[in-house]
N, C-alpha and C. Protein backbone atom coordinates (compact mmCIF):
# COMPACT_ATOMS: atom_id res chain seq x y z
N MET A 1 45.21 166.11 119.66
CA MET A 1 46.70 165.98 119.78
C MET A 1 46.99 164.32 119.96
N ASP A 2 47.72 163.87 118.89
CA ASP A 2 48.04 162.58 118.99
C ASP A 2 49.11 162.25 119.96
N TRP A 3 49.11 160.83 120.29
CA TRP A 3 50.19 160.53 121.60
C TRP A 3 51.45 160.76 121.16
N LEU A 4 52.18 160.63 119.95
CA LEU A 4 53.23 160.81 119.50
C LEU A 4 53.71 162.26 119.80
N ARG A 5 52.80 163.31 119.68
CA ARG A 5 53.07 164.68 120.02
C ARG A 5 53.12 164.81 121.70
N VAL A 6 52.23 164.09 122.38
CA VAL A 6 52.32 164.22 123.66
C VAL A 6 53.68 163.50 124.20
N ALA A 7 54.09 162.69 123.56
CA ALA A 7 55.48 161.99 124.10
C ALA A 7 56.56 163.07 123.69
N ALA A 8 56.52 163.63 122.55
CA ALA A 8 57.44 164.48 122.21
C ALA A 8 57.54 165.81 123.32
N ILE A 9 56.15 166.29 123.61
CA ILE A 9 56.09 167.44 124.54
C ILE A 9 56.89 166.97 126.01
N VAL A 10 56.40 165.62 126.32
CA VAL A 10 56.72 165.25 127.73
C VAL A 10 58.41 165.12 127.59
N LEU A 11 58.91 164.56 126.55
CA LEU A 11 60.43 164.52 126.52
C LEU A 11 61.19 165.68 126.30
N VAL A 12 60.66 166.61 125.60
CA VAL A 12 61.41 167.81 125.33
C VAL A 12 61.27 168.95 126.58
N SER A 13 59.96 168.92 127.12
CA SER A 13 59.81 169.82 128.16
C SER A 13 60.49 169.08 129.56
N GLY A 14 60.27 167.89 129.63
CA GLY A 14 61.03 167.17 130.76
C GLY A 14 62.47 167.37 130.87
N PHE A 15 63.07 167.41 129.70
CA PHE A 15 64.54 167.43 129.49
C PHE A 15 64.88 168.85 129.80
N VAL A 16 64.30 169.96 129.37
CA VAL A 16 64.42 171.24 129.51
C VAL A 16 64.18 171.65 130.92
N ALA A 17 63.18 171.06 131.52
CA ALA A 17 62.84 171.24 133.04
C ALA A 17 63.80 170.81 133.96
N SER A 18 64.47 169.72 133.42
CA SER A 18 65.54 169.18 134.30
C SER A 18 66.61 170.05 134.22
N LEU A 19 66.85 170.67 133.14
CA LEU A 19 68.00 171.68 133.30
C LEU A 19 67.64 172.94 134.13
N THR A 20 66.34 173.24 134.08
CA THR A 20 65.95 174.45 135.03
C THR A 20 66.10 174.05 136.53
N ASP A 21 65.93 172.81 136.77
CA ASP A 21 66.09 172.23 138.12
C ASP A 21 67.60 172.36 138.49
N TRP A 22 68.34 171.99 137.54
CA TRP A 22 69.87 172.02 137.75
C TRP A 22 70.16 173.60 137.98
N LEU A 23 69.59 174.54 137.22
CA LEU A 23 70.01 176.00 137.32
C LEU A 23 69.43 176.53 138.66
N ALA A 24 68.18 176.15 138.83
CA ALA A 24 67.51 176.72 140.13
C ALA A 24 68.06 176.25 141.41
N ALA A 25 68.34 174.94 141.34
CA ALA A 25 68.80 174.45 142.67
C ALA A 25 70.07 173.69 142.45
N GLY A 26 70.79 173.77 141.43
CA GLY A 26 71.99 173.04 141.11
C GLY A 26 73.16 173.36 141.86
N ASP A 27 74.32 173.00 141.37
CA ASP A 27 75.52 173.07 141.98
C ASP A 27 76.09 174.54 142.47
N TRP A 28 75.95 175.47 141.48
CA TRP A 28 76.24 176.91 141.75
C TRP A 28 75.52 177.49 143.05
N ILE A 29 74.29 177.40 143.11
CA ILE A 29 73.37 177.77 144.00
C ILE A 29 73.72 176.98 145.27
N HIS A 30 73.50 175.68 145.06
CA HIS A 30 73.65 174.80 146.13
C HIS A 30 75.10 174.96 147.04
N ARG A 31 76.18 175.40 146.33
CA ARG A 31 77.45 175.54 146.94
C ARG A 31 77.47 176.88 147.78
N ARG A 32 76.73 177.85 147.41
CA ARG A 32 76.89 179.22 147.73
C ARG A 32 75.72 179.63 148.89
N TRP A 33 74.67 179.11 148.58
CA TRP A 33 73.61 179.51 149.43
C TRP A 33 72.85 178.42 150.16
N THR A 34 73.60 177.45 150.64
CA THR A 34 72.92 176.41 151.39
C THR A 34 73.68 175.99 152.75
N TYR A 35 73.03 175.38 153.49
CA TYR A 35 73.78 174.95 154.88
C TYR A 35 74.16 173.50 154.74
N PRO A 36 75.58 173.46 154.76
CA PRO A 36 75.78 171.73 154.47
C PRO A 36 75.46 170.87 155.40
N GLU A 37 75.11 171.18 156.62
CA GLU A 37 74.58 170.19 157.61
C GLU A 37 73.14 169.61 157.27
N VAL A 38 72.54 170.47 156.32
CA VAL A 38 71.20 169.97 155.97
C VAL A 38 71.16 169.10 154.78
N TRP A 39 72.17 168.81 154.01
CA TRP A 39 72.37 168.10 152.86
C TRP A 39 72.98 166.80 153.14
N ARG A 40 72.53 165.68 152.51
CA ARG A 40 73.12 164.35 152.50
C ARG A 40 74.49 164.39 152.06
N ALA A 41 75.39 163.66 152.48
CA ALA A 41 76.92 163.66 151.91
C ALA A 41 76.89 163.10 150.52
N ASN A 42 76.35 161.98 150.30
CA ASN A 42 76.25 161.57 148.81
C ASN A 42 74.98 161.86 148.17
N GLU A 43 74.77 162.68 147.26
CA GLU A 43 73.46 162.96 146.55
C GLU A 43 73.17 162.32 145.26
N SER A 44 74.12 161.45 144.95
CA SER A 44 74.13 160.78 143.55
C SER A 44 72.79 159.96 143.49
N ARG A 45 72.40 159.13 144.46
CA ARG A 45 71.31 158.35 144.43
C ARG A 45 70.02 159.10 144.58
N ALA A 46 69.98 160.16 145.21
CA ALA A 46 68.93 161.09 145.44
C ALA A 46 68.68 161.93 143.93
N ILE A 47 69.76 162.20 143.27
CA ILE A 47 69.65 162.84 142.02
C ILE A 47 69.17 161.81 140.84
N LEU A 48 69.61 160.62 141.00
CA LEU A 48 69.16 159.59 140.07
C LEU A 48 67.57 159.26 140.27
N ALA A 49 67.46 159.13 141.55
CA ALA A 49 65.72 158.80 141.82
C ALA A 49 65.02 159.81 141.58
N THR A 50 65.52 161.12 141.46
CA THR A 50 64.40 162.15 141.32
C THR A 50 64.50 162.61 139.81
N SER A 51 65.43 162.11 139.08
CA SER A 51 65.47 162.66 137.64
C SER A 51 64.48 162.46 136.77
N VAL A 52 63.61 161.54 137.11
CA VAL A 52 62.26 161.12 136.51
C VAL A 52 61.04 161.98 136.73
N LEU A 53 61.22 162.83 137.85
CA LEU A 53 60.07 163.66 138.22
C LEU A 53 59.81 164.77 137.45
N PRO A 54 60.79 165.46 136.66
CA PRO A 54 60.17 166.39 135.67
C PRO A 54 59.46 166.02 134.40
N PHE A 55 59.62 164.74 134.28
CA PHE A 55 58.80 164.05 133.17
C PHE A 55 57.57 163.58 133.72
N LEU A 56 57.39 163.32 134.90
CA LEU A 56 56.11 162.94 135.47
C LEU A 56 55.26 164.26 135.56
N THR A 57 55.84 165.33 135.88
CA THR A 57 55.27 166.74 135.96
C THR A 57 54.65 167.08 134.69
N ALA A 58 55.50 166.88 133.60
CA ALA A 58 55.12 167.21 132.27
C ALA A 58 54.04 166.30 131.75
N THR A 59 54.14 165.07 131.98
CA THR A 59 53.06 164.15 131.65
C THR A 59 51.75 164.43 132.25
N VAL A 60 51.69 164.83 133.42
CA VAL A 60 50.32 165.08 134.08
C VAL A 60 50.06 166.30 133.67
N PHE A 61 50.69 167.34 133.57
CA PHE A 61 50.47 168.79 133.14
C PHE A 61 49.66 168.67 131.59
N VAL A 62 50.36 167.86 130.73
CA VAL A 62 49.93 167.62 129.35
C VAL A 62 48.46 167.03 129.39
N VAL A 63 48.13 166.01 130.21
CA VAL A 63 47.17 165.24 130.12
C VAL A 63 46.06 166.14 130.70
N VAL A 64 46.22 166.75 131.84
CA VAL A 64 45.13 167.54 132.47
C VAL A 64 44.76 168.76 131.53
N ALA A 65 45.77 169.39 130.77
CA ALA A 65 45.48 170.46 130.05
C ALA A 65 44.78 169.97 128.92
N ARG A 66 45.17 168.75 128.36
CA ARG A 66 44.11 168.34 127.19
C ARG A 66 42.62 168.17 127.52
N ARG A 67 42.60 167.44 128.89
CA ARG A 67 41.15 167.20 129.22
C ARG A 67 40.40 168.49 129.47
N LEU A 68 41.29 169.53 130.00
CA LEU A 68 40.64 170.86 130.27
C LEU A 68 40.42 171.61 128.82
N ARG A 69 40.84 171.21 127.79
CA ARG A 69 40.76 171.92 126.41
C ARG A 69 41.49 173.03 126.44
N LEU A 70 42.72 173.15 127.27
CA LEU A 70 43.51 174.38 127.08
C LEU A 70 44.50 174.32 126.02
N GLU A 71 44.60 175.36 125.21
CA GLU A 71 45.35 175.10 123.96
C GLU A 71 46.36 176.39 123.78
N SER A 72 45.70 177.67 124.24
CA SER A 72 46.32 178.93 123.83
C SER A 72 47.54 179.08 124.90
N LEU A 73 48.53 179.85 124.68
CA LEU A 73 49.60 179.99 125.61
C LEU A 73 49.34 180.87 126.84
N PRO A 74 48.16 181.92 126.65
CA PRO A 74 47.81 182.63 127.77
C PRO A 74 47.11 181.61 128.77
N ALA A 75 46.25 180.86 128.35
CA ALA A 75 45.45 179.86 129.04
C ALA A 75 46.36 178.85 129.79
N LEU A 76 47.33 178.40 129.17
CA LEU A 76 48.27 177.32 129.63
C LEU A 76 49.08 177.93 130.49
N ALA A 77 49.60 179.33 130.48
CA ALA A 77 50.38 179.99 131.45
C ALA A 77 49.60 180.11 132.70
N LYS A 78 48.30 180.49 132.48
CA LYS A 78 47.56 180.83 133.83
C LYS A 78 47.44 179.59 134.51
N PHE A 79 47.17 178.50 133.75
CA PHE A 79 47.05 177.30 134.30
C PHE A 79 48.31 176.73 135.12
N ALA A 80 49.42 177.01 134.48
CA ALA A 80 50.78 176.65 135.09
C ALA A 80 50.96 177.51 136.38
N PHE A 81 50.57 178.79 136.33
CA PHE A 81 50.66 179.67 137.51
C PHE A 81 49.71 179.21 138.59
N ALA A 82 48.46 178.72 138.20
CA ALA A 82 47.66 178.26 139.20
C ALA A 82 48.06 177.05 139.93
N ILE A 83 48.74 176.07 139.11
CA ILE A 83 49.28 174.93 139.90
C ILE A 83 50.34 175.27 140.58
N TRP A 84 51.16 176.25 140.29
CA TRP A 84 52.46 176.63 140.96
C TRP A 84 51.83 177.16 142.47
N LEU A 85 50.80 177.89 142.32
CA LEU A 85 50.24 178.61 143.55
C LEU A 85 49.48 177.53 144.47
N ILE A 86 48.95 176.47 143.85
CA ILE A 86 48.46 175.46 144.70
C ILE A 86 49.26 174.39 145.31
N ALA A 87 50.33 174.06 144.57
CA ALA A 87 51.27 173.02 145.28
C ALA A 87 52.70 173.42 145.56
N PRO A 88 53.54 173.72 144.49
CA PRO A 88 54.91 173.80 144.79
C PRO A 88 55.24 175.09 145.68
N LEU A 89 54.73 176.20 145.30
CA LEU A 89 54.99 177.37 146.10
C LEU A 89 54.84 177.11 147.78
N PRO A 90 53.44 176.72 148.01
CA PRO A 90 53.07 176.58 149.51
C PRO A 90 53.98 175.38 150.05
N LEU A 91 54.35 174.39 149.32
CA LEU A 91 55.34 173.30 149.90
C LEU A 91 56.64 173.96 150.05
N ILE A 92 57.17 174.59 149.16
CA ILE A 92 58.42 175.22 149.41
C ILE A 92 58.54 176.09 150.54
N LEU A 93 57.61 177.03 150.64
CA LEU A 93 57.63 178.08 151.65
C LEU A 93 57.54 177.46 153.12
N THR A 94 56.59 176.31 153.08
CA THR A 94 56.31 175.64 154.50
C THR A 94 57.63 174.90 154.95
N ASN A 95 58.38 174.18 153.82
CA ASN A 95 59.51 173.60 154.26
C ASN A 95 60.49 174.45 154.55
N ALA A 96 60.53 175.72 154.02
CA ALA A 96 61.57 176.80 154.40
C ALA A 96 61.21 177.29 155.83
N ALA A 97 60.01 177.21 156.25
CA ALA A 97 59.64 177.82 157.48
C ALA A 97 60.21 176.72 158.65
N PHE A 98 60.29 175.53 158.11
CA PHE A 98 60.63 174.48 159.24
C PHE A 98 61.93 173.97 159.00
N ILE A 99 62.63 173.87 157.80
CA ILE A 99 63.96 173.48 157.54
C ILE A 99 64.82 174.51 157.41
N LYS A 100 66.03 174.38 157.84
CA LYS A 100 66.97 175.33 157.58
C LYS A 100 67.46 175.52 156.07
N LEU A 101 66.89 176.58 155.39
CA LEU A 101 67.15 176.65 154.03
C LEU A 101 67.54 178.24 153.78
N HIS A 102 68.32 178.48 152.98
CA HIS A 102 68.80 179.75 152.70
C HIS A 102 67.73 180.51 151.76
N ARG A 103 67.41 181.67 152.02
CA ARG A 103 66.42 182.35 151.30
C ARG A 103 66.84 182.55 149.84
N VAL A 104 68.01 182.56 149.43
CA VAL A 104 68.31 182.75 148.02
C VAL A 104 67.96 181.17 147.46
N PHE A 105 68.20 180.23 148.05
CA PHE A 105 67.79 178.66 147.66
C PHE A 105 66.38 178.76 147.47
N VAL A 106 65.58 179.25 148.52
CA VAL A 106 64.37 179.07 148.49
C VAL A 106 63.72 179.78 147.33
N ALA A 107 63.98 180.97 147.16
CA ALA A 107 63.55 181.80 146.01
C ALA A 107 63.95 181.18 144.68
N SER A 108 65.02 180.65 144.60
CA SER A 108 65.56 180.21 143.24
C SER A 108 64.82 178.93 143.00
N TYR A 109 64.43 178.05 144.00
CA TYR A 109 63.92 176.95 144.03
C TYR A 109 62.34 177.12 143.57
N ALA A 110 61.72 177.99 144.06
CA ALA A 110 60.28 178.43 143.92
C ALA A 110 60.04 179.00 142.49
N ILE A 111 60.94 179.76 142.15
CA ILE A 111 61.01 180.38 140.72
C ILE A 111 61.28 179.33 139.61
N GLY A 112 62.14 178.30 139.98
CA GLY A 112 62.44 177.17 139.05
C GLY A 112 61.22 176.49 138.82
N TRP A 113 60.38 176.15 139.91
CA TRP A 113 59.22 175.44 139.82
C TRP A 113 58.19 176.14 138.69
N LEU A 114 58.14 177.40 138.88
CA LEU A 114 57.05 178.27 137.98
C LEU A 114 57.61 178.26 136.70
N VAL A 115 58.94 178.36 136.41
CA VAL A 115 59.76 178.32 135.05
C VAL A 115 59.41 176.90 134.50
N LYS A 116 59.63 175.72 135.19
CA LYS A 116 59.33 174.54 134.76
C LYS A 116 57.95 174.24 134.24
N LEU A 117 56.98 174.77 134.98
CA LEU A 117 55.51 174.58 134.50
C LEU A 117 55.33 175.55 133.24
N TRP A 118 56.01 176.73 133.16
CA TRP A 118 55.81 177.36 131.93
C TRP A 118 56.57 176.76 130.73
N ILE A 119 57.62 176.06 131.01
CA ILE A 119 58.21 175.47 130.00
C ILE A 119 57.21 174.40 129.42
N VAL A 120 56.50 173.64 130.28
CA VAL A 120 55.77 172.65 129.70
C VAL A 120 54.61 173.20 129.01
N ALA A 121 53.96 174.42 129.38
CA ALA A 121 52.96 175.13 128.64
C ALA A 121 53.42 175.58 127.46
N LEU A 122 54.62 176.17 127.34
CA LEU A 122 55.20 176.60 125.94
C LEU A 122 55.35 175.40 124.97
N ALA A 123 55.80 174.23 125.57
CA ALA A 123 56.00 173.08 124.71
C ALA A 123 54.66 172.62 124.15
N ILE A 124 53.71 172.62 124.98
CA ILE A 124 52.39 172.17 124.48
C ILE A 124 51.96 172.88 123.15
N VAL A 125 52.42 174.48 123.11
CA VAL A 125 51.83 175.29 122.14
C VAL A 125 52.67 175.14 121.01
N LEU A 126 54.06 175.03 121.25
CA LEU A 126 55.07 174.94 120.10
C LEU A 126 54.98 173.50 119.39
N ILE A 127 54.83 172.45 120.25
CA ILE A 127 54.90 171.18 119.58
C ILE A 127 53.47 170.48 119.48
N GLY A 128 52.46 170.93 120.26
CA GLY A 128 51.24 170.38 120.13
C GLY A 128 50.30 170.68 118.95
N ARG A 129 50.65 171.76 118.33
CA ARG A 129 49.93 172.18 117.12
C ARG A 129 50.15 171.29 115.80
């Protein structure tokens, strides 16, 4: 896979994953199932600072998947699931145990991470060929 395809995968999946973040932890869920005292008053700087992270996630996922020679959708989906079990899920659940976060928000955020990783896996299959 050439670097132009890698860049396309990262840009497309990073953008779609950003939308997933917005849906999973965005305004609608944030307003209904969160505790206001937990959140910063002005989130604009935080949103701006973290908007690059889905692209970082996509980049590292693509590079590692290439090195492991993972090319099929089932293999990439399993890889995404394994990453989710290793890092985001335990981190989200640990934070929820110690920080006042509503269960709906925690579930949505955790599922959003799995979907984000599956989006990158799907992009590799669809764009990477």
